Each structure stands twice: as structure tokens, then as C-alpha cells.
C-alpha atoms as a PDB file:
ATOM      1  CA  UNK A   1      15.014  98.497  55.289  1.00  0.00           C
ATOM      2  CA  UNK A   2      17.877  97.253  57.243  1.00  0.00           C
ATOM      3  CA  UNK A   3      20.090  94.629  55.685  1.00  0.00           C
ATOM      4  CA  UNK A   4      21.303  91.729  57.961  1.00  0.00           C
ATOM      5  CA  UNK A   5      25.263  91.006  57.747  1.00  0.00           C
ATOM      6  CA  UNK A   6      27.648  88.739  58.617  1.00  0.00           C
ATOM      7  CA  UNK A   7      31.494  88.962  58.504  1.00  0.00           C
ATOM      8  CA  UNK A   8      33.816  86.193  57.910  1.00  0.00           C
ATOM      9  CA  UNK A   9      37.388  86.612  59.007  1.00  0.00           C
ATOM     10  CA  UNK A  10      35.963  88.866  61.888  1.00  0.00           C
ATOM     11  CA  UNK A  11      39.027  88.632  64.247  1.00  0.00           C
ATOM     12  CA  UNK A  12      41.515  89.855  61.436  1.00  0.00           C
ATOM     13  CA  UNK A  13      42.546  93.592  60.845  1.00  0.00           C
ATOM     14  CA  UNK A  14      40.111  93.975  57.835  1.00  0.00           C
ATOM     15  CA  UNK A  15      37.416  91.948  59.485  1.00  0.00           C
ATOM     16  CA  UNK A  16      37.348  94.175  62.712  1.00  0.00           C
ATOM     17  CA  UNK A  17      37.358  97.491  60.591  1.00  0.00           C
ATOM     18  CA  UNK A  18      34.411  96.041  58.606  1.00  0.00           C
ATOM     19  CA  UNK A  19      32.650  95.176  61.946  1.00  0.00           C
ATOM     20  CA  UNK A  20      32.998  98.653  63.195  1.00  0.00           C
ATOM     21  CA  UNK A  21      31.977 100.090  59.720  1.00  0.00           C
ATOM     22  CA  UNK A  22      28.718  97.911  59.922  1.00  0.00           C
ATOM     23  CA  UNK A  23      27.930  98.773  63.551  1.00  0.00           C
ATOM     24  CA  UNK A  24      27.913 102.455  62.593  1.00  0.00           C
ATOM     25  CA  UNK A  25      25.577 102.084  59.461  1.00  0.00           C
ATOM     26  CA  UNK A  26      22.045 102.944  60.307  1.00  0.00           C
ATOM     27  CA  UNK A  27      20.769 100.898  57.446  1.00  0.00           C
ATOM     28  CA  UNK A  28      22.903  97.729  58.310  1.00  0.00           C
ATOM     29  CA  UNK A  29      22.643  95.210  61.349  1.00  0.00           C
ATOM     30  CA  UNK A  30      25.508  93.071  62.142  1.00  0.00           C
ATOM     31  CA  UNK A  31      23.977  89.554  63.020  1.00  0.00           C
ATOM     32  CA  UNK A  32      27.193  87.321  63.070  1.00  0.00           C
ATOM     33  CA  UNK A  33      31.102  87.714  63.620  1.00  0.00           C
ATOM     34  CA  UNK A  34      32.540  84.480  62.397  1.00  0.00           C
ATOM     35  CA  UNK A  35      36.334  83.320  62.354  1.00  0.00           C
ATOM     36  CA  UNK A  36      38.290  80.153  62.498  1.00  0.00           C
ATOM     37  CA  UNK A  37      36.610  77.610  64.629  1.00  0.00           C
ATOM     38  CA  UNK A  38      33.285  78.905  64.133  1.00  0.00           C
ATOM     39  CA  UNK A  39      30.614  77.059  62.097  1.00  0.00           C
ATOM     40  CA  UNK A  40      29.326  78.277  59.079  1.00  0.00           C
ATOM     41  CA  UNK A  41      25.767  77.448  60.172  1.00  0.00           C
ATOM     42  CA  UNK A  42      25.746  80.869  61.964  1.00  0.00           C
ATOM     43  CA  UNK A  43      24.952  82.361  58.704  1.00  0.00           C
ATOM     44  CA  UNK A  44      21.927  80.504  58.330  1.00  0.00           C
ATOM     45  CA  UNK A  45      20.675  80.501  62.037  1.00  0.00           C
ATOM     46  CA  UNK A  46      21.617  84.522  62.092  1.00  0.00           C
ATOM     47  CA  UNK A  47      19.356  85.212  59.266  1.00  0.00           C
ATOM     48  CA  UNK A  48      22.263  87.096  57.539  1.00  0.00           C
ATOM     49  CA  UNK A  49      21.245  88.536  53.960  1.00  0.00           C
ATOM     50  CA  UNK A  50      24.792  89.446  53.064  1.00  0.00           C
ATOM     51  CA  UNK A  51      28.178  88.103  54.287  1.00  0.00           C
ATOM     52  CA  UNK A  52      31.413  89.995  53.923  1.00  0.00           C
ATOM     53  CA  UNK A  53      34.358  87.674  53.389  1.00  0.00           C
ATOM     54  CA  UNK A  54      37.651  88.901  54.401  1.00  0.00           C
ATOM     55  CA  UNK A  55      39.518  85.454  54.921  1.00  0.00           C
ATOM     56  CA  UNK A  56      42.289  83.823  53.033  1.00  0.00           C
ATOM     57  CA  UNK A  57      42.549  82.365  49.677  1.00  0.00           C
ATOM     58  CA  UNK A  58      42.673  78.770  50.666  1.00  0.00           C
ATOM     59  CA  UNK A  59      39.270  78.928  52.704  1.00  0.00           C
ATOM     60  CA  UNK A  60      37.318  81.452  50.457  1.00  0.00           C
ATOM     61  CA  UNK A  61      35.840  79.057  48.022  1.00  0.00           C
ATOM     62  CA  UNK A  62      34.413  76.605  50.912  1.00  0.00           C
ATOM     63  CA  UNK A  63      32.917  80.016  52.206  1.00  0.00           C
ATOM     64  CA  UNK A  64      31.252  81.053  49.031  1.00  0.00           C
ATOM     65  CA  UNK A  65      30.057  77.415  48.193  1.00  0.00           C
ATOM     66  CA  UNK A  66      28.346  77.368  51.614  1.00  0.00           C
ATOM     67  CA  UNK A  67      26.884  80.882  51.544  1.00  0.00           C
ATOM     68  CA  UNK A  68      25.560  80.943  47.845  1.00  0.00           C
ATOM     69  CA  UNK A  69      24.156  77.372  48.049  1.00  0.00           C
ATOM     70  CA  UNK A  70      22.216  78.644  51.319  1.00  0.00           C
ATOM     71  CA  UNK A  71      20.948  81.760  49.593  1.00  0.00           C
ATOM     72  CA  UNK A  72      23.260  84.370  51.254  1.00  0.00           C
ATOM     73  CA  UNK A  73      24.697  87.029  49.041  1.00  0.00           C
ATOM     74  CA  UNK A  74      28.437  87.459  49.269  1.00  0.00           C
ATOM     75  CA  UNK A  75      30.720  90.618  49.234  1.00  0.00           C
ATOM     76  CA  UNK A  76      34.394  89.363  48.859  1.00  0.00           C
ATOM     77  CA  UNK A  77      37.542  91.069  49.539  1.00  0.00           C
ATOM     78  CA  UNK A  78      39.654  88.072  49.833  1.00  0.00           C
ATOM     79  CA  UNK A  79      41.759  87.887  46.778  1.00  0.00           C
ATOM     80  CA  UNK A  80      43.530  85.040  44.680  1.00  0.00           C
ATOM     81  CA  UNK A  81      40.849  84.535  42.350  1.00  0.00           C
ATOM     82  CA  UNK A  82      41.615  83.141  38.799  1.00  0.00           C
ATOM     83  CA  UNK A  83      39.251  82.378  35.829  1.00  0.00           C
ATOM     84  CA  UNK A  84      38.903  78.680  37.094  1.00  0.00           C
ATOM     85  CA  UNK A  85      37.602  79.889  40.436  1.00  0.00           C
ATOM     86  CA  UNK A  86      35.429  82.592  39.022  1.00  0.00           C
ATOM     87  CA  UNK A  87      33.747  79.806  36.631  1.00  0.00           C
ATOM     88  CA  UNK A  88      33.210  77.846  39.834  1.00  0.00           C
ATOM     89  CA  UNK A  89      31.476  80.792  41.543  1.00  0.00           C
ATOM     90  CA  UNK A  90      29.313  81.515  38.465  1.00  0.00           C
ATOM     91  CA  UNK A  91      28.051  77.826  38.550  1.00  0.00           C
ATOM     92  CA  UNK A  92      26.925  78.069  41.929  1.00  0.00           C
ATOM     93  CA  UNK A  93      25.304  81.378  41.187  1.00  0.00           C
ATOM     94  CA  UNK A  94      23.668  79.777  38.188  1.00  0.00           C
ATOM     95  CA  UNK A  95      22.105  77.152  40.508  1.00  0.00           C
ATOM     96  CA  UNK A  96      20.795  80.088  42.929  1.00  0.00           C
ATOM     97  CA  UNK A  97      19.662  82.665  40.614  1.00  0.00           C
ATOM     98  CA  UNK A  98      18.362  85.284  43.155  1.00  0.00           C
ATOM     99  CA  UNK A  99      21.774  85.287  44.942  1.00  0.00           C
ATOM    100  CA  UNK A 100      24.366  88.134  44.070  1.00  0.00           C
ATOM    101  CA  UNK A 101      28.149  87.825  44.476  1.00  0.00           C
ATOM    102  CA  UNK A 102      30.533  90.955  44.419  1.00  0.00           C
ATOM    103  CA  UNK A 103      34.134  90.045  44.257  1.00  0.00           C
ATOM    104  CA  UNK A 104      36.320  93.058  44.212  1.00  0.00           C
ATOM    105  CA  UNK A 105      40.035  93.345  44.126  1.00  0.00           C
ATOM    106  CA  UNK A 106      39.823  96.463  45.687  1.00  0.00           C
ATOM    107  CA  UNK A 107      37.304  98.431  47.923  1.00  0.00           C
ATOM    108  CA  UNK A 108      39.058 101.830  47.807  1.00  0.00           C
ATOM    109  CA  UNK A 109      37.245 104.279  45.905  1.00  0.00           C
ATOM    110  CA  UNK A 110      40.294 105.933  45.060  1.00  0.00           C
ATOM    111  CA  UNK A 111      41.964 102.422  43.868  1.00  0.00           C
ATOM    112  CA  UNK A 112      38.880 101.995  41.661  1.00  0.00           C
ATOM    113  CA  UNK A 113      39.475 105.363  40.070  1.00  0.00           C
ATOM    114  CA  UNK A 114      43.086 104.640  39.608  1.00  0.00           C
ATOM    115  CA  UNK A 115      42.481 101.395  37.864  1.00  0.00           C
ATOM    116  CA  UNK A 116      39.981 103.106  35.411  1.00  0.00           C
ATOM    117  CA  UNK A 117      42.228 106.258  34.830  1.00  0.00           C
ATOM    118  CA  UNK A 118      45.252 103.732  34.056  1.00  0.00           C
ATOM    119  CA  UNK A 119      43.197 101.721  31.520  1.00  0.00           C
ATOM    120  CA  UNK A 120      42.167 104.874  29.851  1.00  0.00           C
ATOM    121  CA  UNK A 121      45.504 106.439  29.789  1.00  0.00           C
ATOM    122  CA  UNK A 122      47.267 103.193  28.574  1.00  0.00           C
ATOM    123  CA  UNK A 123      45.811 103.727  25.082  1.00  0.00           C
ATOM    124  CA  UNK A 124      47.889 106.836  24.797  1.00  0.00           C
ATOM    125  CA  UNK A 125      51.206 105.445  25.863  1.00  0.00           C
ATOM    126  CA  UNK A 126      53.787 103.326  24.251  1.00  0.00           C
ATOM    127  CA  UNK A 127      54.561 101.442  27.662  1.00  0.00           C
ATOM    128  CA  UNK A 128      52.993 100.875  31.069  1.00  0.00           C
ATOM    129  CA  UNK A 129      54.204  98.827  34.144  1.00  0.00           C
ATOM    130  CA  UNK A 130      52.810  98.331  37.691  1.00  0.00           C
ATOM    131  CA  UNK A 131      54.419  98.587  40.889  1.00  0.00           C
ATOM    132  CA  UNK A 132      52.344  97.256  43.673  1.00  0.00           C
ATOM    133  CA  UNK A 133      53.635  97.517  47.343  1.00  0.00           C
ATOM    134  CA  UNK A 134      52.126  95.797  50.523  1.00  0.00           C
ATOM    135  CA  UNK A 135      52.816  94.725  53.970  1.00  0.00           C
ATOM    136  CA  UNK A 136      54.604  91.442  54.509  1.00  0.00           C
ATOM    137  CA  UNK A 137      51.592  89.629  55.826  1.00  0.00           C
ATOM    138  CA  UNK A 138      49.964  89.688  52.340  1.00  0.00           C
ATOM    139  CA  UNK A 139      49.346  85.976  50.999  1.00  0.00           C
ATOM    140  CA  UNK A 140      49.344  86.729  47.264  1.00  0.00           C
ATOM    141  CA  UNK A 141      51.602  88.271  44.919  1.00  0.00           C
ATOM    142  CA  UNK A 142      50.876  90.093  42.705  1.00  0.00           C
ATOM    143  CA  UNK A 143      47.705  91.585  44.392  1.00  0.00           C
ATOM    144  CA  UNK A 144      44.513  91.252  43.036  1.00  0.00           C
ATOM    145  CA  UNK A 145      44.301  94.990  42.394  1.00  0.00           C
ATOM    146  CA  UNK A 146      47.414  94.932  40.391  1.00  0.00           C
ATOM    147  CA  UNK A 147      46.342  91.811  38.355  1.00  0.00           C
ATOM    148  CA  UNK A 148      43.031  93.525  37.455  1.00  0.00           C
ATOM    149  CA  UNK A 149      44.572  96.744  36.647  1.00  0.00           C
ATOM    150  CA  UNK A 150      46.936  94.897  34.181  1.00  0.00           C
ATOM    151  CA  UNK A 151      43.657  93.100  32.776  1.00  0.00           C
ATOM    152  CA  UNK A 152      41.828  96.425  32.311  1.00  0.00           C
ATOM    153  CA  UNK A 153      44.953  98.012  30.508  1.00  0.00           C
ATOM    154  CA  UNK A 154      45.544  94.874  28.306  1.00  0.00           C
ATOM    155  CA  UNK A 155      41.840  95.214  27.440  1.00  0.00           C
ATOM    156  CA  UNK A 156      41.907  98.835  26.676  1.00  0.00           C
ATOM    157  CA  UNK A 157      45.290  98.635  24.811  1.00  0.00           C
ATOM    158  CA  UNK A 158      43.740  95.822  22.690  1.00  0.00           C
ATOM    159  CA  UNK A 159      40.609  97.856  21.866  1.00  0.00           C
ATOM    160  CA  UNK A 160      42.769 100.484  19.931  1.00  0.00           C
ATOM    161  CA  UNK A 161      45.288  97.895  18.548  1.00  0.00           C
ATOM    162  CA  UNK A 162      48.034  99.119  20.299  1.00  0.00           C
ATOM    163  CA  UNK A 163      51.512  97.702  19.179  1.00  0.00           C
ATOM    164  CA  UNK A 164      53.415  95.434  21.701  1.00  0.00           C
ATOM    165  CA  UNK A 165      55.631  97.366  24.331  1.00  0.00           C
ATOM    166  CA  UNK A 166      59.145  97.697  23.429  1.00  0.00           C
ATOM    167  CA  UNK A 167      61.743  95.428  25.487  1.00  0.00           C
ATOM    168  CA  UNK A 168      65.219  94.815  24.432  1.00  0.00           C
ATOM    169  CA  UNK A 169      66.010  92.598  27.477  1.00  0.00           C
ATOM    170  CA  UNK A 170      68.047  89.426  26.345  1.00  0.00           C
ATOM    171  CA  UNK A 171      69.414  88.476  29.647  1.00  0.00           C
ATOM    172  CA  UNK A 172      67.896  88.740  33.177  1.00  0.00           C
ATOM    173  CA  UNK A 173      67.370  86.983  36.428  1.00  0.00           C
ATOM    174  CA  UNK A 174      64.045  85.228  36.999  1.00  0.00           C
ATOM    175  CA  UNK A 175      61.583  87.742  37.958  1.00  0.00           C
ATOM    176  CA  UNK A 176      63.900  90.743  37.314  1.00  0.00           C
ATOM    177  CA  UNK A 177      61.214  92.053  34.706  1.00  0.00           C
ATOM    178  CA  UNK A 178      58.253  91.210  37.091  1.00  0.00           C
ATOM    179  CA  UNK A 179      55.374  88.974  36.265  1.00  0.00           C
ATOM    180  CA  UNK A 180      53.380  89.505  33.225  1.00  0.00           C
ATOM    181  CA  UNK A 181      49.467  89.657  33.653  1.00  0.00           C
ATOM    182  CA  UNK A 182      47.967  90.054  29.889  1.00  0.00           C
ATOM    183  CA  UNK A 183      50.702  92.525  28.489  1.00  0.00           C
ATOM    184  CA  UNK A 184      51.666  94.186  31.719  1.00  0.00           C
ATOM    185  CA  UNK A 185      54.859  93.465  33.992  1.00  0.00           C
ATOM    186  CA  UNK A 186      53.921  93.666  37.375  1.00  0.00           C
ATOM    187  CA  UNK A 187      56.441  94.212  40.118  1.00  0.00           C
ATOM    188  CA  UNK A 188      55.580  93.410  43.944  1.00  0.00           C
ATOM    189  CA  UNK A 189      57.160  94.897  46.977  1.00  0.00           C
ATOM    190  CA  UNK A 190      56.439  93.585  50.531  1.00  0.00           C
ATOM    191  CA  UNK A 191      57.734  95.510  53.396  1.00  0.00           C
ATOM    192  CA  UNK A 192      57.007  96.120  56.926  1.00  0.00           C
ATOM    193  CA  UNK A 193      55.437  99.620  57.426  1.00  0.00           C
ATOM    194  CA  UNK A 194      53.338  99.539  54.163  1.00  0.00           C
ATOM    195  CA  UNK A 195      49.554  99.026  53.933  1.00  0.00           C
ATOM    196  CA  UNK A 196      48.576  98.977  50.317  1.00  0.00           C
ATOM    197  CA  UNK A 197      49.918 100.956  47.498  1.00  0.00           C
ATOM    198  CA  UNK A 198      50.253 100.868  43.775  1.00  0.00           C
ATOM    199  CA  UNK A 199      51.954 102.731  41.005  1.00  0.00           C
ATOM    200  CA  UNK A 200      51.021 102.652  37.297  1.00  0.00           C
ATOM    201  CA  UNK A 201      53.793 104.134  35.289  1.00  0.00           C
ATOM    202  CA  UNK A 202      53.107 105.162  31.564  1.00  0.00           C
ATOM    203  CA  UNK A 203      55.978 106.170  29.162  1.00  0.00           C
ATOM    204  CA  UNK A 204      56.594 107.456  25.585  1.00  0.00           C
ATOM    205  CA  UNK A 205      58.969 109.476  23.895  1.00  0.00           C
ATOM    206  CA  UNK A 206      59.870 112.468  26.059  1.00  0.00           C
ATOM    207  CA  UNK A 207      57.275 111.938  28.832  1.00  0.00           C
ATOM    208  CA  UNK A 208      55.836 109.580  31.616  1.00  0.00           C
ATOM    209  CA  UNK A 209      52.695 109.843  33.513  1.00  0.00           C
ATOM    210  CA  UNK A 210      52.624 108.140  37.020  1.00  0.00           C
ATOM    211  CA  UNK A 211      48.981 107.216  38.439  1.00  0.00           C
ATOM    212  CA  UNK A 212      49.430 106.076  42.336  1.00  0.00           C
ATOM    213  CA  UNK A 213      46.979 105.470  45.024  1.00  0.00           C
ATOM    214  CA  UNK A 214      48.058 104.896  48.484  1.00  0.00           C
ATOM    215  CA  UNK A 215      45.813 103.269  51.305  1.00  0.00           C
ATOM    216  CA  UNK A 216      47.038 104.820  54.490  1.00  0.00           C
ATOM    217  CA  UNK A 217      44.560 103.049  56.868  1.00  0.00           C
ATOM    218  CA  UNK A 218      42.079 100.326  56.461  1.00  0.00           C
ATOM    219  CA  UNK A 219      38.900 102.472  57.114  1.00  0.00           C
ATOM    220  CA  UNK A 220      39.659 103.793  53.549  1.00  0.00           C
ATOM    221  CA  UNK A 221      38.259 100.577  52.089  1.00  0.00           C
ATOM    222  CA  UNK A 222      34.768 101.044  54.060  1.00  0.00           C
ATOM    223  CA  UNK A 223      32.805 103.329  52.104  1.00  0.00           C
ATOM    224  CA  UNK A 224      33.387 100.845  49.262  1.00  0.00           C
ATOM    225  CA  UNK A 225      32.614  97.731  51.336  1.00  0.00           C
ATOM    226  CA  UNK A 226      29.326  99.414  52.586  1.00  0.00           C
ATOM    227  CA  UNK A 227      28.466 100.273  49.166  1.00  0.00           C
ATOM    228  CA  UNK A 228      28.812  96.745  47.963  1.00  0.00           C
ATOM    229  CA  UNK A 229      26.539  95.301  50.913  1.00  0.00           C
ATOM    230  CA  UNK A 230      23.928  97.716  49.783  1.00  0.00           C
ATOM    231  CA  UNK A 231      24.176  96.994  46.157  1.00  0.00           C
ATOM    232  CA  UNK A 232      24.643  93.141  46.060  1.00  0.00           C
ATOM    233  CA  UNK A 233      21.357  92.396  47.706  1.00  0.00           C
ATOM    234  CA  UNK A 234      19.461  93.877  44.452  1.00  0.00           C
ATOM    235  CA  UNK A 235      22.291  92.600  41.927  1.00  0.00           C
ATOM    236  CA  UNK A 236      22.072  88.710  41.206  1.00  0.00           C
ATOM    237  CA  UNK A 237      24.790  86.853  39.865  1.00  0.00           C
ATOM    238  CA  UNK A 238      28.639  87.746  39.654  1.00  0.00           C
ATOM    239  CA  UNK A 239      29.927  91.126  39.501  1.00  0.00           C
ATOM    240  CA  UNK A 240      33.594  91.210  39.259  1.00  0.00           C
ATOM    241  CA  UNK A 241      35.049  94.815  40.626  1.00  0.00           C
ATOM    242  CA  UNK A 242      33.529  97.641  42.591  1.00  0.00           C
ATOM    243  CA  UNK A 243      33.474 100.023  39.601  1.00  0.00           C
ATOM    244  CA  UNK A 244      30.343  98.136  38.366  1.00  0.00           C
ATOM    245  CA  UNK A 245      28.497  99.658  41.239  1.00  0.00           C
ATOM    246  CA  UNK A 246      29.797 103.192  40.438  1.00  0.00           C
ATOM    247  CA  UNK A 247      28.436 105.673  37.881  1.00  0.00           C
ATOM    248  CA  UNK A 248      31.673 106.052  35.818  1.00  0.00           C
ATOM    249  CA  UNK A 249      30.111 107.088  32.726  1.00  0.00           C
END
């Protein structure tokens, strides 16, 4: 069965790459390419079953409100979600029980594995910090991927009752030790020439372990985006993180 798909943010770099990927998939049909100035009513008139959102943190909530309340499943790559926003999305989904929403901090399969590996490894190391590196056009810092990684690491460390990480810093410029999400410091780099990169550095007596993922080209996100489109139509409610659509047992 062919799935009818619309793309929001169609003129952006991720949007354009997503359009190409959908057009190349035999089981998907692109029915709408929507960008600034276009009406969201196109989601309804086109008969879209799934909409992929690669827009901006300032506009994504309005897009999701419209899509979910019109019965359109959503796959979201736009970042900037906090607990309050997620709770709002859950409320919309509760009122539309047949609709599914995948919100993924990262669609790179390698990035998802990096996050899972880092969380598991963090149980065995005294300390862990994250460095995320992106192009200067990125709107949010830290990245959604880094924040989600830190949340997974904090949860994993709490599950084995790890002691607090040692840090004797008593004097520092604001931001010098990064921004903490959960228990984990995150350091954000914005630099021309980068796409999306992340290092998780774990340390203990006598050794360190670095787990790094590099997105070299935006096409690397497309297998995850297409997986999300195919799965979300049969997964009602909120799914946060692409790892839930992978068999990682």
C-alpha cells in the first residue's frame, strides 16, 4: 500500500533532501511540498497520511496542532522540544487517538546507535561529557541530539546508582563548563564547514572512551526519515526517538 506524504519546510536543505528520498521510494507518494507562504490546508486537500516537518522551532508547534487535529500523522525532525511542548503534543494526540507522531532528535541510524552505545557505556565510567558540533545556521543549542543523549546517559547512570561526576572547578567564566542536561555537561560548537557531529567522551582512572558520530551529508538522515514515515502510520500516540522503531534488543 502506498503512503501519501507531505513535507513541511520543503525549500530548506533537509526538506529538499526529503523530497528526493520520498520520490525515490516505491511505496511512498509525495502529495504536497509546503513552505513559507503556503497554506496548511494543503495537508487536507492533498489527502496526506503523513507529514514530515523540517521547519523551525518557532513554527513547529502550530504545524503539529493543525496536522494532528486534522488526522494527519507526523514525523518531526525540527528540534527545540522540551517537556512542556511534548505534553502539549500528547494532549493533541489524546484527542485524536488514531494519529501517530514521531519526534526524533536525530534520524541518522548511526547517531541513534551512538546515543544507545553512549548510554550503556556511561554505566561503567566515572565521568562523561558531550561535544556537539554543527553548522552556524543551526537555531538551537545544545542540539536536540546532544540533549537526548544526555537524558539517556543520566537515566542509565541513575539506574545503577552512579556517584556524581567529580569536578573541582571553583572559578569559571559563564558557559566554560558547558550547559548541563541532566547530569551531563554539553559543549556546543557552531562553525562553517560542519554539518552535524557529536562526540561523547567517557573517562575513568587510566583510560578514556570516545564515541563519535559524523553526518557528512544530509542524505545520511534519509533511511531514518523513511523508516519513520512507514512506521508512524501504524503507531498511534507519541514516539520520542527513532530508537523505538529499531530492533535494538
